[in-house]
C-alpha atoms as a PDB file:
ATOM      1  CA  MET A   1     175.281-121.021 -49.031  1.00  0.00           C
ATOM      2  CA  ILE A   2     178.223-119.535 -50.915  1.00  0.00           C
ATOM      3  CA  ASN A   3     176.150-119.414 -54.110  1.00  0.00           C
ATOM      4  CA  ALA A   4     173.348-117.586 -52.289  1.00  0.00           C
ATOM      5  CA  LEU A   5     175.819-115.107 -50.816  1.00  0.00           C
ATOM      6  CA  THR A   6     177.347-114.571 -54.241  1.00  0.00           C
ATOM      7  CA  ARG A   7     173.894-113.891 -55.742  1.00  0.00           C
ATOM      8  CA  VAL A   8     173.166-111.346 -52.993  1.00  0.00           C
ATOM      9  CA  VAL A   9     176.456-109.527 -53.622  1.00  0.00           C
ATOM     10  CA  GLN A  10     175.886-109.641 -57.399  1.00  0.00           C
ATOM     11  CA  THR A  11     172.421-108.152 -56.934  1.00  0.00           C
ATOM     12  CA  LEU A  12     173.729-105.450 -54.609  1.00  0.00           C
ATOM     13  CA  ALA A  13     176.595-104.608 -56.968  1.00  0.00           C
ATOM     14  CA  PHE A  14     174.244-104.382 -59.939  1.00  0.00           C
ATOM     15  CA  THR A  15     171.813-102.242 -57.945  1.00  0.00           C
ATOM     16  CA  MET A  16     174.610 -99.931 -56.819  1.00  0.00           C
ATOM     17  CA  PHE A  17     175.903 -99.591 -60.375  1.00  0.00           C
ATOM     18  CA  ALA A  18     172.413 -98.945 -61.768  1.00  0.00           C
ATOM     19  CA  ALA A  19     171.716 -96.353 -59.061  1.00  0.00           C
ATOM     20  CA  MET A  20     175.062 -94.681 -59.795  1.00  0.00           C
ATOM     21  CA  PHE A  21     174.159 -94.524 -63.493  1.00  0.00           C
ATOM     22  CA  VAL A  22     170.706 -93.039 -62.763  1.00  0.00           C
ATOM     23  CA  LEU A  23     172.175 -90.487 -60.334  1.00  0.00           C
ATOM     24  CA  THR A  24     174.795 -89.418 -62.876  1.00  0.00           C
ATOM     25  CA  LEU A  25     172.142 -88.984 -65.565  1.00  0.00           C
ATOM     26  CA  ALA A  26     169.955 -87.056 -63.118  1.00  0.00           C
ATOM     27  CA  GLN A  27     172.873 -84.816 -62.239  1.00  0.00           C
ATOM     28  CA  VAL A  28     173.470 -83.952 -65.891  1.00  0.00           C
ATOM     29  CA  LEU A  29     169.763 -83.444 -66.547  1.00  0.00           C
ATOM     30  CA  PHE A  30     169.191 -81.213 -63.537  1.00  0.00           C
ATOM     31  CA  ARG A  31     172.395 -79.199 -63.869  1.00  0.00           C
ATOM     32  CA  TYR A  32     172.490 -78.591 -67.619  1.00  0.00           C
ATOM     33  CA  ALA A  33     168.957 -79.057 -68.923  1.00  0.00           C
ATOM     34  CA  LEU A  34     166.967 -77.648 -65.995  1.00  0.00           C
ATOM     35  CA  GLN A  35     169.682 -75.349 -64.593  1.00  0.00           C
ATOM     36  CA  ILE A  36     169.032 -76.724 -61.084  1.00  0.00           C
ATOM     37  CA  PRO A  37     172.192 -77.954 -59.351  1.00  0.00           C
ATOM     38  CA  VAL A  38     171.626 -81.011 -57.142  1.00  0.00           C
ATOM     39  CA  PRO A  39     174.963 -81.393 -55.340  1.00  0.00           C
ATOM     40  CA  TRP A  40     174.275 -84.645 -53.501  1.00  0.00           C
ATOM     41  CA  THR A  41     173.949 -86.696 -56.705  1.00  0.00           C
ATOM     42  CA  GLU A  42     177.669 -86.502 -57.503  1.00  0.00           C
ATOM     43  CA  GLU A  43     178.747 -87.523 -54.020  1.00  0.00           C
ATOM     44  CA  ALA A  44     176.192 -90.340 -53.824  1.00  0.00           C
ATOM     45  CA  ALA A  45     177.194 -91.628 -57.289  1.00  0.00           C
ATOM     46  CA  ARG A  46     180.867 -91.611 -56.255  1.00  0.00           C
ATOM     47  CA  ALA A  47     180.072 -93.567 -53.080  1.00  0.00           C
ATOM     48  CA  LEU A  48     178.082 -96.125 -55.080  1.00  0.00           C
ATOM     49  CA  PHE A  49     180.910 -96.440 -57.592  1.00  0.00           C
ATOM     50  CA  VAL A  50     183.429 -97.249 -54.852  1.00  0.00           C
ATOM     51  CA  LEU A  51     181.114 -99.776 -53.202  1.00  0.00           C
ATOM     52  CA  ALA A  52     180.277-101.491 -56.505  1.00  0.00           C
ATOM     53  CA  THR A  53     183.978-101.668 -57.392  1.00  0.00           C
ATOM     54  CA  MET A  54     184.791-103.353 -54.076  1.00  0.00           C
ATOM     55  CA  SER A  55     182.083-105.916 -54.843  1.00  0.00           C
ATOM     56  CA  GLY A  56     183.615-106.562 -58.232  1.00  0.00           C
ATOM     57  CA  ILE A  57     186.963-107.567 -56.748  1.00  0.00           C
ATOM     58  CA  ALA A  58     185.516-110.564 -54.910  1.00  0.00           C
ATOM     59  CA  LEU A  59     183.068-111.467 -57.681  1.00  0.00           C
ATOM     60  CA  ALA A  60     185.774-111.386 -60.360  1.00  0.00           C
ATOM     61  CA  TYR A  61     187.907-113.803 -58.349  1.00  0.00           C
ATOM     62  CA  GLN A  62     184.985-116.174 -57.832  1.00  0.00           C
ATOM     63  CA  LYS A  63     184.146-116.128 -61.557  1.00  0.00           C
ATOM     64  CA  ARG A  64     187.844-116.425 -62.540  1.00  0.00           C
ATOM     65  CA  GLU A  65     187.724-113.150 -64.448  1.00  0.00           C
ATOM     66  CA  HIS A  66     190.950-111.565 -63.195  1.00  0.00           C
ATOM     67  CA  ILE A  67     193.745-111.137 -65.709  1.00  0.00           C
ATOM     68  CA  ILE A  68     196.221-114.013 -65.626  1.00  0.00           C
ATOM     69  CA  VAL A  69     199.638-114.121 -67.262  1.00  0.00           C
ATOM     70  CA  ASP A  70     200.198-117.848 -67.501  1.00  0.00           C
ATOM     71  CA  VAL A  71     203.068-118.418 -69.928  1.00  0.00           C
ATOM     72  CA  PHE A  72     205.297-119.978 -67.249  1.00  0.00           C
ATOM     73  CA  TYR A  73     202.393-121.579 -65.417  1.00  0.00           C
ATOM     74  CA  ASP A  74     201.143-123.435 -68.497  1.00  0.00           C
ATOM     75  CA  SER A  75     204.558-125.003 -69.050  1.00  0.00           C
ATOM     76  CA  LEU A  76     204.403-126.785 -65.654  1.00  0.00           C
ATOM     77  CA  SER A  77     203.176-130.292 -64.960  1.00  0.00           C
ATOM     78  CA  ASP A  78     199.771-130.789 -63.301  1.00  0.00           C
ATOM     79  CA  LYS A  79     201.440-131.597 -59.974  1.00  0.00           C
ATOM     80  CA  SER A  80     203.612-128.461 -60.132  1.00  0.00           C
ATOM     81  CA  ARG A  81     200.580-126.345 -61.039  1.00  0.00           C
ATOM     82  CA  ARG A  82     198.704-127.726 -58.053  1.00  0.00           C
ATOM     83  CA  VAL A  83     201.593-126.968 -55.685  1.00  0.00           C
ATOM     84  CA  LEU A  84     202.011-123.483 -57.141  1.00  0.00           C
ATOM     85  CA  SER A  85     198.248-122.878 -56.885  1.00  0.00           C
ATOM     86  CA  ILE A  86     198.333-123.851 -53.200  1.00  0.00           C
ATOM     87  CA  ILE A  87     201.210-121.417 -52.646  1.00  0.00           C
ATOM     88  CA  PHE A  88     199.291-118.686 -54.501  1.00  0.00           C
ATOM     89  CA  ALA A  89     196.148-119.317 -52.439  1.00  0.00           C
ATOM     90  CA  ILE A  90     198.110-119.099 -49.184  1.00  0.00           C
ATOM     91  CA  ALA A  91     199.804-115.915 -50.400  1.00  0.00           C
ATOM     92  CA  ILE A  92     196.422-114.411 -51.301  1.00  0.00           C
ATOM     93  CA  LEU A  93     195.093-115.244 -47.825  1.00  0.00           C
ATOM     94  CA  ALA A  94     198.137-113.608 -46.213  1.00  0.00           C
ATOM     95  CA  PHE A  95     197.585-110.500 -48.324  1.00  0.00           C
ATOM     96  CA  LEU A  96     193.896-110.444 -47.384  1.00  0.00           C
ATOM     97  CA  VAL A  97     194.792-110.523 -43.688  1.00  0.00           C
ATOM     98  CA  LEU A  98     197.039-107.485 -44.141  1.00  0.00           C
ATOM     99  CA  TRP A  99     194.412-105.738 -46.255  1.00  0.00           C
ATOM    100  CA  ALA A 100     191.727-106.436 -43.627  1.00  0.00           C
ATOM    101  CA  ARG A 101     193.926-104.995 -40.883  1.00  0.00           C
ATOM    102  CA  GLY A 102     194.249-101.810 -42.921  1.00  0.00           C
ATOM    103  CA  ALA A 103     190.499-101.678 -43.562  1.00  0.00           C
ATOM    104  CA  ILE A 104     189.774-102.051 -39.839  1.00  0.00           C
ATOM    105  CA  GLY A 105     192.115 -99.165 -39.080  1.00  0.00           C
ATOM    106  CA  LEU A 106     190.387 -97.024 -41.702  1.00  0.00           C
ATOM    107  CA  ILE A 107     186.965 -97.874 -40.254  1.00  0.00           C
ATOM    108  CA  GLU A 108     188.131 -96.630 -36.860  1.00  0.00           C
ATOM    109  CA  ARG A 109     189.702 -93.446 -38.269  1.00  0.00           C
ATOM    110  CA  ASN A 110     186.745 -92.561 -40.494  1.00  0.00           C
ATOM    111  CA  TRP A 111     183.836 -93.335 -38.206  1.00  0.00           C
ATOM    112  CA  THR A 112     183.201 -89.655 -37.455  1.00  0.00           C
ATOM    113  CA  VAL A 113     183.743 -88.507 -41.059  1.00  0.00           C
ATOM    114  CA  ARG A 114     180.550 -87.879 -43.031  1.00  0.00           C
ATOM    115  CA  LEU A 115     179.986 -86.990 -46.644  1.00  0.00           C
ATOM    116  CA  ILE A 116     179.177 -83.319 -47.020  1.00  0.00           C
ATOM    117  CA  THR A 117     175.979 -83.566 -49.035  1.00  0.00           C
ATOM    118  CA  VAL A 118     174.916 -87.041 -47.895  1.00  0.00           C
ATOM    119  CA  SER A 119     175.408 -86.476 -44.188  1.00  0.00           C
ATOM    120  CA  TRP A 120     174.007 -89.826 -43.034  1.00  0.00           C
ATOM    121  CA  PHE A 121     176.778 -91.663 -44.932  1.00  0.00           C
ATOM    122  CA  ARG A 122     179.880 -92.123 -42.788  1.00  0.00           C
ATOM    123  CA  GLY A 123     183.272 -92.459 -44.421  1.00  0.00           C
ATOM    124  CA  ALA A 124     183.682 -95.684 -42.474  1.00  0.00           C
ATOM    125  CA  TYR A 125     180.895 -97.299 -44.506  1.00  0.00           C
ATOM    126  CA  TYR A 126     183.280 -97.550 -47.483  1.00  0.00           C
ATOM    127  CA  TYR A 127     185.688 -99.565 -45.381  1.00  0.00           C
ATOM    128  CA  ILE A 128     183.017-101.695 -43.745  1.00  0.00           C
ATOM    129  CA  TRP A 129     181.909-102.814 -47.207  1.00  0.00           C
ATOM    130  CA  GLU A 130     185.536-103.241 -48.215  1.00  0.00           C
ATOM    131  CA  LEU A 131     186.066-105.480 -45.161  1.00  0.00           C
ATOM    132  CA  ALA A 132     182.965-107.503 -46.049  1.00  0.00           C
ATOM    133  CA  MET A 133     184.270-108.026 -49.601  1.00  0.00           C
ATOM    134  CA  ILE A 134     187.706-108.995 -48.251  1.00  0.00           C
ATOM    135  CA  ALA A 135     185.953-111.603 -46.096  1.00  0.00           C
ATOM    136  CA  LEU A 136     183.971-112.872 -49.101  1.00  0.00           C
ATOM    137  CA  LEU A 137     187.119-113.070 -51.202  1.00  0.00           C
ATOM    138  CA  GLY A 138     188.815-114.912 -48.336  1.00  0.00           C
ATOM    139  CA  LEU A 139     185.949-117.390 -48.269  1.00  0.00           C
ATOM    140  CA  TYR A 140     186.320-118.013 -52.008  1.00  0.00           C
ATOM    141  CA  VAL A 141     190.081-118.545 -51.612  1.00  0.00           C
ATOM    142  CA  LEU A 142     189.572-120.906 -48.668  1.00  0.00           C
ATOM    143  CA  VAL A 143     187.159-123.008 -50.727  1.00  0.00           C
ATOM    144  CA  ASP A 144     189.697-123.118 -53.559  1.00  0.00           C
ATOM    145  CA  LEU A 145     192.464-124.038 -51.128  1.00  0.00           C
ATOM    146  CA  ARG A 146     190.355-126.852 -49.695  1.00  0.00           C
ATOM    147  CA  ASP A 147     189.673-128.141 -53.195  1.00  0.00           C
ATOM    148  CA  LEU A 148     193.364-127.943 -54.124  1.00  0.00           C
ATOM    149  CA  VAL A 149     194.519-129.752 -50.991  1.00  0.00           C
ATOM    150  CA  THR A 150     191.896-132.495 -51.314  1.00  0.00           C
ATOM    151  CA  GLY A 151     192.574-132.949 -55.038  1.00  0.00           C
ATOM    152  CA  ARG A 152     189.160-131.768 -56.254  1.00  0.00           C
ATOM    153  CA  ARG A 153     191.024-129.125 -58.247  1.00  0.00           C
ATOM    154  CA  THR A 154     194.466-129.178 -59.739  1.00  0.00           C
ATOM    155  CA  SER A 155     194.807-125.454 -60.388  1.00  0.00           C
ATOM    156  CA  LEU A 156     193.405-122.007 -59.647  1.00  0.00           C
ATOM    157  CA  HIS A 157     193.518-121.414 -63.383  1.00  0.00           C
ATOM    158  CA  THR A 158     190.671-122.746 -65.522  1.00  0.00           C
ATOM    159  CA  GLN A 159     190.376-123.485 -69.222  1.00  0.00           C
ATOM    160  CA  GLU A 160     187.495-120.996 -69.486  1.00  0.00           C
ATOM    161  CA  GLN A 161     189.967-118.212 -68.764  1.00  0.00           C
ATOM    162  CA  GLU A 162     192.086-119.445 -71.643  1.00  0.00           C
ATOM    163  CA  SER A 163     189.192-119.439 -74.112  1.00  0.00           C
ATOM    164  CA  ASP A 164     188.395-115.791 -73.404  1.00  0.00           C
ATOM    165  CA  LEU A 165     191.679-114.712 -74.976  1.00  0.00           C
END
C-alpha cells in the first residue's frame, strides 16, 4: 500500500512539475512572442511549484535523498547507530506533529483567501497538500521506526547515500 501511495504522489509531483514547466513556457511565448499577456499562467505555475516542492520533501525522505552529514554517525558502533536512529525518528515525528499543527492553523486562516487570477484555488489548498505530505512523511518515519525497533534495520542511513558522494 505504501508503495502504491508513493507512486501516486510521484506521478502527481511529476505532473505538477511538468504542468508548471509548460505554463511557464506558455507565459513567455504569449507575453513576449505574441504580445498577449496571460496573467493566470504565472500564478498557476507558482502554485504548482509549491505543491510539487511539498511532495518532494516526503519523497526525498522515502528515497533517502536528503543531505546527511555523517562524520560522527559513521564513527559509532552498529548498536549506537540504531539507538541514535530511533532517537532521530522520534524527533522527526515530534517535529511533524508541530508542523502539522501549524499547517492546520494555516488551512483555517486561508480558507477564504483565493488566488487573484485563479479564483477557484483557495490559499488553504497549499496547506491541505502540505498536511497530506506531512502525513505521508510521518508514515514513512513510522515504518522506519518500526523497522529500527524490531531490528529489521540498524540505521536510518543507508550505504546508497554514501555512494552518491
